[in-house]
Protein backbone atom coordinates (compact mmCIF):
# COMPACT_ATOMS: atom_id res chain seq x y z
CA UNK A 1 115.22 110.48 96.15
CA UNK A 2 112.44 109.46 93.89
CA UNK A 3 115.08 107.46 92.01
CA UNK A 4 115.84 105.76 94.92
CA UNK A 5 111.91 105.23 95.49
CA UNK A 6 111.85 103.68 92.26
CA UNK A 7 114.72 101.42 92.91
CA UNK A 8 112.89 100.33 95.81
CA UNK A 9 109.75 99.21 94.07
CA UNK A 10 111.38 97.42 91.71
CA UNK A 11 113.18 95.44 94.66
CA UNK A 12 109.85 94.38 95.84
CA UNK A 13 107.59 92.69 93.55
CA UNK A 14 106.54 90.04 96.07
CA UNK A 15 105.90 89.04 99.86
CA UNK A 16 109.36 87.05 99.31
CA UNK A 17 111.07 90.04 98.35
CA UNK A 18 110.03 92.05 101.26
CA UNK A 19 110.71 89.58 103.63
CA UNK A 20 114.57 89.45 102.17
CA UNK A 21 114.75 93.40 102.21
CA UNK A 22 113.38 93.69 106.16
CA UNK A 23 116.02 91.19 106.76
CA UNK A 24 119.30 92.35 104.62
CA UNK A 25 118.54 96.48 105.98
CA UNK A 26 120.41 96.36 108.89
CA UNK A 27 123.23 94.21 106.89
CA UNK A 28 123.18 96.66 104.49
CA UNK A 29 123.56 99.55 106.85
CA UNK A 30 126.37 97.67 108.39
CA UNK A 31 128.46 98.25 105.44
CA UNK A 32 128.23 101.99 105.68
CA UNK A 33 128.84 102.58 108.95
CA UNK A 34 132.31 103.23 110.47
CA UNK A 35 131.68 104.49 114.13
CA UNK A 36 132.09 101.89 116.55
CA UNK A 37 129.09 103.12 118.82
CA UNK A 38 126.47 101.68 116.42
CA UNK A 39 127.83 98.25 116.63
CA UNK A 40 125.96 97.23 120.04
CA UNK A 41 122.95 98.64 118.01
CA UNK A 42 123.49 96.62 115.14
CA UNK A 43 123.76 93.46 116.77
CA UNK A 44 120.70 94.04 118.32
CA UNK A 45 118.62 94.71 115.67
CA UNK A 46 120.09 91.42 113.80
CA UNK A 47 118.56 89.47 116.70
CA UNK A 48 115.07 91.10 116.42
CA UNK A 49 115.23 89.75 113.16
CA UNK A 50 115.92 86.20 114.28
CA UNK A 51 113.02 86.83 116.89
CA UNK A 52 110.60 87.82 113.82
CA UNK A 53 111.74 85.24 110.95
CA UNK A 54 112.49 82.07 112.84
CA UNK A 55 110.58 79.41 115.18
CA UNK A 56 110.61 76.98 117.50
CA UNK A 57 113.31 74.01 117.91
CA UNK A 58 114.22 72.76 114.33
CA UNK A 59 112.00 75.15 112.82
CA UNK A 60 110.28 72.08 110.81
CA UNK A 61 106.56 73.69 111.34
CA UNK A 62 107.60 77.02 110.36
CA UNK A 63 109.13 75.97 106.94
CA UNK A 64 106.22 73.73 106.54
CA UNK A 65 103.73 76.39 106.92
CA UNK A 66 105.17 77.84 103.88
CA UNK A 67 105.91 74.83 101.66
CA UNK A 68 102.58 73.20 102.22
CA UNK A 69 101.20 75.77 99.82
CA UNK A 70 103.53 74.69 97.38
CA UNK A 71 102.04 71.05 97.68
CA UNK A 72 98.50 72.12 96.48
CA UNK A 73 98.03 73.00 92.79
CA UNK A 74 95.66 75.09 91.15
CA UNK A 75 92.90 73.52 88.90
CA UNK A 76 92.12 76.16 86.33
CA UNK A 77 88.39 76.35 84.49
CA UNK A 78 87.73 78.11 81.41
CA UNK A 79 84.91 80.05 79.57
CA UNK A 80 83.13 81.48 82.63
CA UNK A 81 82.71 85.46 82.99
CA UNK A 82 85.44 86.92 84.94
CA UNK A 83 85.09 90.17 84.24
CA UNK A 84 84.29 91.42 87.16
CA UNK A 85 86.12 89.99 90.25
CA UNK A 86 84.54 90.89 93.80
CA UNK A 87 87.03 90.52 96.42
CA UNK A 88 84.57 91.41 99.38
CA UNK A 89 83.67 89.40 102.48
CA UNK A 90 82.58 89.75 105.88
CA UNK A 91 84.38 88.86 109.05
CA UNK A 92 83.63 89.92 112.59
CA UNK A 93 79.84 90.74 111.42
CA UNK A 94 81.49 93.40 108.93
CA UNK A 95 82.02 93.87 105.39
CA UNK A 96 85.64 93.75 104.40
CA UNK A 97 87.23 94.89 100.93
CA UNK A 98 89.67 91.87 100.87
CA UNK A 99 89.47 88.05 102.23
CA UNK A 100 92.97 88.74 104.12
CA UNK A 101 93.54 91.17 107.36
CA UNK A 102 96.66 91.40 110.05
CA UNK A 103 96.61 88.76 112.50
CA UNK A 104 97.79 89.79 116.34
CA UNK A 105 101.65 89.88 116.87
CA UNK A 106 103.45 91.38 119.46
CA UNK A 107 106.13 94.27 119.85
CA UNK A 108 105.27 95.89 116.35
CA UNK A 109 107.57 98.80 117.77
CA UNK A 110 110.38 96.40 117.23
CA UNK A 111 110.11 97.09 113.76
CA UNK A 112 109.01 100.56 113.56
CA UNK A 113 108.53 103.36 115.82
CA UNK A 114 104.96 104.05 114.75
CA UNK A 115 104.21 100.22 115.67
CA UNK A 116 100.45 98.71 115.78
CA UNK A 117 99.45 102.54 115.02
CA UNK A 118 101.24 101.99 111.63
CA UNK A 119 99.50 98.94 110.89
CA UNK A 120 96.32 99.91 112.09
CA UNK A 121 96.31 102.86 109.55
CA UNK A 122 97.37 100.28 106.89
CA UNK A 123 93.98 98.12 107.62
CA UNK A 124 91.84 100.71 108.05
CA UNK A 125 92.64 102.83 104.40
CA UNK A 126 91.86 99.48 102.79
CA UNK A 127 89.39 98.11 104.85
CA UNK A 128 90.81 95.03 106.35
CA UNK A 129 90.13 93.38 109.40
CA UNK A 130 93.11 93.41 112.13
CA UNK A 131 93.87 91.27 115.42
CA UNK A 132 95.71 93.37 118.03
CA UNK A 133 97.54 91.34 120.29
CA UNK A 134 97.51 91.84 123.99
CA UNK A 135 101.71 92.61 124.03
CA UNK A 136 101.05 95.19 121.48
CA UNK A 137 103.46 98.08 122.20
CA UNK A 138 100.56 100.67 121.91
CA UNK A 139 97.46 101.22 124.35
CA UNK A 140 94.41 99.17 122.67
CA UNK A 141 92.44 102.36 122.59
CA UNK A 142 94.99 104.43 120.29
CA UNK A 143 95.21 101.65 117.94
CA UNK A 144 91.53 101.24 117.09
CA UNK A 145 91.04 104.88 116.97
CA UNK A 146 93.21 104.97 113.95
CA UNK A 147 90.29 103.16 112.07
CA UNK A 148 87.11 103.15 114.01
CA UNK A 149 85.19 101.79 111.15
CA UNK A 150 87.13 98.67 110.57
CA UNK A 151 86.61 95.80 112.40
CA UNK A 152 89.26 95.03 115.12
CA UNK A 153 89.64 91.82 117.21
CA UNK A 154 91.52 91.73 120.79
CA UNK A 155 93.87 88.51 121.53
CA UNK A 156 95.03 87.55 124.74
CA UNK A 157 95.42 84.56 126.99
CA UNK A 158 93.86 83.77 130.07
CA UNK A 159 97.15 84.83 132.31
CA UNK A 160 97.69 83.55 136.32
CA UNK A 161 96.33 86.88 137.42
CA UNK A 162 92.51 86.95 136.25
CA UNK A 163 92.07 90.58 137.30
CA UNK A 164 94.62 91.65 134.76
CA UNK A 165 92.50 89.35 132.05
CA UNK A 166 88.99 91.05 133.24
CA UNK A 167 90.82 94.65 133.01
CA UNK A 168 91.91 93.98 129.51
CA UNK A 169 88.30 92.47 128.61
CA UNK A 170 86.52 95.35 129.57
CA UNK A 171 88.86 97.84 127.81
CA UNK A 172 88.70 95.81 124.52
CA UNK A 173 84.95 95.88 124.72
CA UNK A 174 84.29 99.76 125.63
CA UNK A 175 86.65 100.64 122.96
CA UNK A 176 84.56 98.80 120.26
CA UNK A 177 86.26 95.61 119.55
CA UNK A 178 84.61 92.96 117.91
CA UNK A 179 85.65 90.04 118.90
CA UNK A 180 88.07 88.11 121.21
CA UNK A 181 90.63 86.27 119.81
CA UNK A 182 91.74 83.22 122.83
CA UNK A 183 95.00 82.24 122.15
CA UNK A 184 94.94 78.36 123.04
CA UNK A 185 98.19 77.09 122.02
CA UNK A 186 100.38 78.50 124.41
CA UNK A 187 100.06 76.60 127.69
CA UNK A 188 104.14 77.16 127.79
CA UNK A 189 106.27 79.24 125.90
CA UNK A 190 107.97 77.60 122.91
CA UNK A 191 111.29 76.62 123.12
CA UNK A 192 112.81 78.71 120.10
CA UNK A 193 116.86 78.07 119.70
CA UNK A 194 118.02 81.13 118.03
CA UNK A 195 116.66 83.25 121.03
CA UNK A 196 118.47 81.18 123.63
CA UNK A 197 121.64 81.26 121.04
CA UNK A 198 121.68 85.01 120.98
CA UNK A 199 120.21 85.61 124.21
CA UNK A 200 117.24 87.71 122.83
CA UNK A 201 115.63 90.14 125.71
CA UNK A 202 112.97 92.81 124.84
CA UNK A 203 114.45 96.21 125.14
CA UNK A 204 114.22 97.62 128.99
CA UNK A 205 112.57 100.96 127.34
CA UNK A 206 109.70 98.32 125.58
CA UNK A 207 106.28 98.79 127.18
CA UNK A 208 103.36 96.61 126.96
CA UNK A 209 100.53 99.32 128.01
CA UNK A 210 97.55 96.80 127.42
CA UNK A 211 99.05 93.61 129.84
CA UNK A 212 100.77 96.00 132.47
CA UNK A 213 98.62 98.95 132.86
CA UNK A 214 97.46 97.88 135.90
CA UNK A 215 100.59 98.12 137.43
CA UNK A 216 101.59 94.44 137.19
CA UNK A 217 105.44 93.53 136.83
CA UNK A 218 106.71 90.85 134.56
CA UNK A 219 106.50 88.49 137.28
CA UNK A 220 104.34 84.98 137.28
CA UNK A 221 101.54 86.85 137.48
CA UNK A 222 101.35 87.58 133.71
CA UNK A 223 102.31 83.99 132.61
CA UNK A 224 99.62 82.24 130.86
CA UNK A 225 97.50 79.94 133.09
CA UNK A 226 98.60 76.21 132.08
CA UNK A 227 95.10 75.00 134.00
CA UNK A 228 92.44 76.25 131.42
CA UNK A 229 90.42 73.61 130.00
CA UNK A 230 87.22 73.49 127.74
CA UNK A 231 84.94 73.47 130.66
CA UNK A 232 86.32 76.34 133.11
CA UNK A 233 87.75 78.61 130.81
CA UNK A 234 85.16 79.20 128.20
CA UNK A 235 82.39 79.88 130.80
CA UNK A 236 84.44 82.01 133.07
CA UNK A 237 85.29 84.19 129.66
CA UNK A 238 81.35 84.39 129.08
CA UNK A 239 80.81 85.83 132.64
CA UNK A 240 83.36 88.78 132.07
CA UNK A 241 82.45 89.79 128.22
CA UNK A 242 79.79 89.88 125.72
CA UNK A 243 82.34 90.12 122.99
CA UNK A 244 82.10 86.73 120.38
CA UNK A 245 84.65 84.41 121.60
CA UNK A 246 87.21 82.86 118.85
CA UNK A 247 89.76 79.99 119.54
CA UNK A 248 92.83 80.67 117.99
CA UNK A 249 95.48 77.90 117.63
CA UNK A 250 93.13 75.00 116.40
CA UNK A 251 94.84 72.51 114.53
CA UNK A 252 92.57 69.23 115.03
CA UNK A 253 89.35 68.43 113.52
CA UNK A 254 88.30 67.19 117.01
CA UNK A 255 88.98 70.39 118.72
CA UNK A 256 86.78 72.40 116.05
CA UNK A 257 84.01 69.86 116.96
CA UNK A 258 84.78 71.23 120.75
CA UNK A 259 84.30 74.54 119.76
CA UNK A 260 81.11 74.12 118.03
CA UNK A 261 79.92 71.91 121.34
CA UNK A 262 80.92 74.78 123.65
CA UNK A 263 79.52 77.60 121.50
CA UNK A 264 82.63 78.99 120.15
CA UNK A 265 81.96 81.87 117.84
CA UNK A 266 84.61 81.00 115.53
CA UNK A 267 88.14 79.18 115.01
CA UNK A 268 91.40 80.41 113.97
CA UNK A 269 93.55 77.69 112.30
CA UNK A 270 97.08 78.28 113.68
CA UNK A 271 99.81 76.92 115.07
CA UNK A 272 101.36 80.47 116.19
CA UNK A 273 103.51 80.92 113.29
CA UNK A 274 105.86 77.46 114.23
CA UNK A 275 106.99 79.40 117.23
CA UNK A 276 105.48 76.77 120.02
CA UNK A 277 105.08 73.20 118.94
CA UNK A 278 107.60 72.07 116.45
CA UNK A 279 106.60 69.23 114.21
CA UNK A 280 102.82 69.81 114.26
CA UNK A 281 101.05 70.21 110.83
CA UNK A 282 101.19 72.93 108.62
CA UNK A 283 97.99 75.27 108.54
CA UNK A 284 97.02 74.54 105.34
CA UNK A 285 97.00 70.47 106.02
CA UNK A 286 95.25 71.13 109.24
CA UNK A 287 92.92 73.34 107.49
CA UNK A 288 91.87 70.50 105.10
CA UNK A 289 90.99 67.98 107.80
CA UNK A 290 89.07 70.85 109.79
CA UNK A 291 87.06 72.68 107.23
CA UNK A 292 84.86 70.04 106.36
CA UNK A 293 83.53 69.61 110.28
CA UNK A 294 83.30 73.65 110.53
CA UNK A 295 81.53 74.09 107.15
CA UNK A 296 77.87 75.72 107.68
CA UNK A 297 78.47 75.48 111.67
CA UNK A 298 81.33 77.52 112.62
CA UNK A 299 83.51 80.11 110.68
CA UNK A 300 87.16 78.92 110.13
CA UNK A 301 90.04 81.07 109.17
CA UNK A 302 93.74 80.72 108.82
CA UNK A 303 96.82 82.36 110.17
CA UNK A 304 100.41 81.10 109.04
CA UNK A 305 102.37 80.56 106.13
CA UNK A 306 100.51 82.91 103.77
CA UNK A 307 103.26 84.80 101.77
CA UNK A 308 101.49 85.57 98.33
CA UNK A 309 97.66 86.19 96.82
CA UNK A 310 97.80 82.36 95.37
CA UNK A 311 98.41 81.20 98.75
CA UNK A 312 95.19 82.98 99.85
CA UNK A 313 93.28 81.71 96.84
CA UNK A 314 94.33 78.08 97.91
CA UNK A 315 93.31 78.66 101.76
CA UNK A 316 90.08 80.14 100.60
CA UNK A 317 89.58 77.09 97.95
CA UNK A 318 90.09 74.66 101.05
CA UNK A 319 87.41 76.20 103.14
CA UNK A 320 89.01 79.29 104.90
CA UNK A 321 86.32 82.44 104.77
CA UNK A 322 89.18 84.59 106.02
CA UNK A 323 93.12 84.56 105.95
CA UNK A 324 95.50 86.54 108.26
CA UNK A 325 98.85 87.66 107.90
CA UNK A 326 101.15 87.96 110.84
CA UNK A 327 104.72 88.39 109.57
CA UNK A 328 104.14 90.29 106.22
CA UNK A 329 102.80 93.19 108.20
CA UNK A 330 106.18 93.46 110.52
CA UNK A 331 108.51 92.97 107.01
CA UNK A 332 106.62 95.97 105.64
CA UNK A 333 107.03 98.18 108.69
CA UNK A 334 110.95 97.26 109.00
CA UNK A 335 111.46 97.69 105.29
CA UNK A 336 109.74 101.63 105.63
CA UNK A 337 112.86 102.18 107.63
CA UNK A 338 115.00 102.04 104.94
CA UNK A 339 113.61 105.37 103.21
CA UNK A 340 112.04 106.71 106.31
CA UNK A 341 111.27 110.17 104.54
CA UNK A 342 109.25 108.53 101.55
CA UNK A 343 107.42 105.93 103.23
CA UNK A 344 105.61 105.86 106.33
CA UNK A 345 105.10 102.58 108.13
CA UNK A 346 101.47 101.79 106.73
CA UNK A 347 102.48 102.95 103.31
CA UNK A 348 104.77 99.65 102.70
CA UNK A 349 102.38 97.34 104.25
CA UNK A 350 99.90 98.85 102.13
CA UNK A 351 101.97 98.18 99.16
CA UNK A 352 102.38 94.55 100.46
CA UNK A 353 98.39 94.03 100.99
CA UNK A 354 97.82 95.48 97.20
CA UNK A 355 100.44 92.84 95.78
CA UNK A 356 98.58 89.98 97.37
CA UNK A 357 95.32 91.37 96.12
CA UNK A 358 96.28 91.66 92.61
CA UNK A 359 97.55 88.37 92.50
CA UNK A 360 94.46 87.18 94.40
CA UNK A 361 92.52 88.59 91.23
CA UNK A 362 94.55 87.16 89.03
CA UNK A 363 94.41 83.40 89.96
CA UNK A 364 90.65 84.00 90.52
CA UNK A 365 90.22 84.72 86.78
CA UNK A 366 92.29 81.92 86.03
CA UNK A 367 90.13 79.50 87.90
CA UNK A 368 86.49 81.18 86.92
CA UNK A 369 85.89 82.52 90.21
CA UNK A 370 84.31 86.00 90.75
């Protein structure tokens, strides 16, 4: 077993390796399976890989989120003392060890039985921020209990049934979440062609205890409210929570200005991982034009397209105060299924995060940033 573990370590040298291994894990399993009873399960899980990895329509924005980082070059500086690199920073009023954390993403249990619990343990072990999706597969109270000293944010949309939204706000505040991440880029659900082609469906036994715990069903009561606007949504939320309100899904400087005008506590530059409106700007391009408006007035972070420590370095250099990773934790969870007796879910996530930390330190030394 130790040799297999060493081989896996050699296979995963960067996040791209992690993605490939996570996506291939079921394909490798197929080769060794002879029993017909496994076929339906294999097909189902390959479709889940499409759900995680792909995006809306022609996936132009999905691809551009990653390729944008290649368009920006790093200009090094010399003869500066970089013997000690300090990667600590502050997010949601808490000091954290690294300038990146885990962004909210739905259905972690599709990748690993421990789901968001494992993600939370990884975040807690290395002292990084975690955002939890309202469509998490474990109760929000159980997730935050894995690392109470860590900063957690609760992601949500305002639903047509406002009572469900209020209940979620109350639970998050009571449990100790530090902020609300309001997703504003889902007036309707993006059209993801591969999900249509593969007839993707959430497994019938998959539960969403945070959004449906009040006995709500999956009818239009839990649909997003497309009538929201600045003048109605923000005051309504302020009436029902004292948590700081961050807007997630901002891509234009005009909306950053409006966020400041309406007293928003922070913005997350995001295009929903390229899963909503195809053809919109990459997150890094959006950050470049939004950061000058935000500078010194409102915290600005980025979520989308980051695959390595050098990407984090570029985002910070362009004005982000913090970076969020969405798909990387899910790939980490999926890969650990390869060797369940050797890797708990959080272990692979931690190793993925430390890959980014090492590259970030290396880039910082080259560019004389300590």
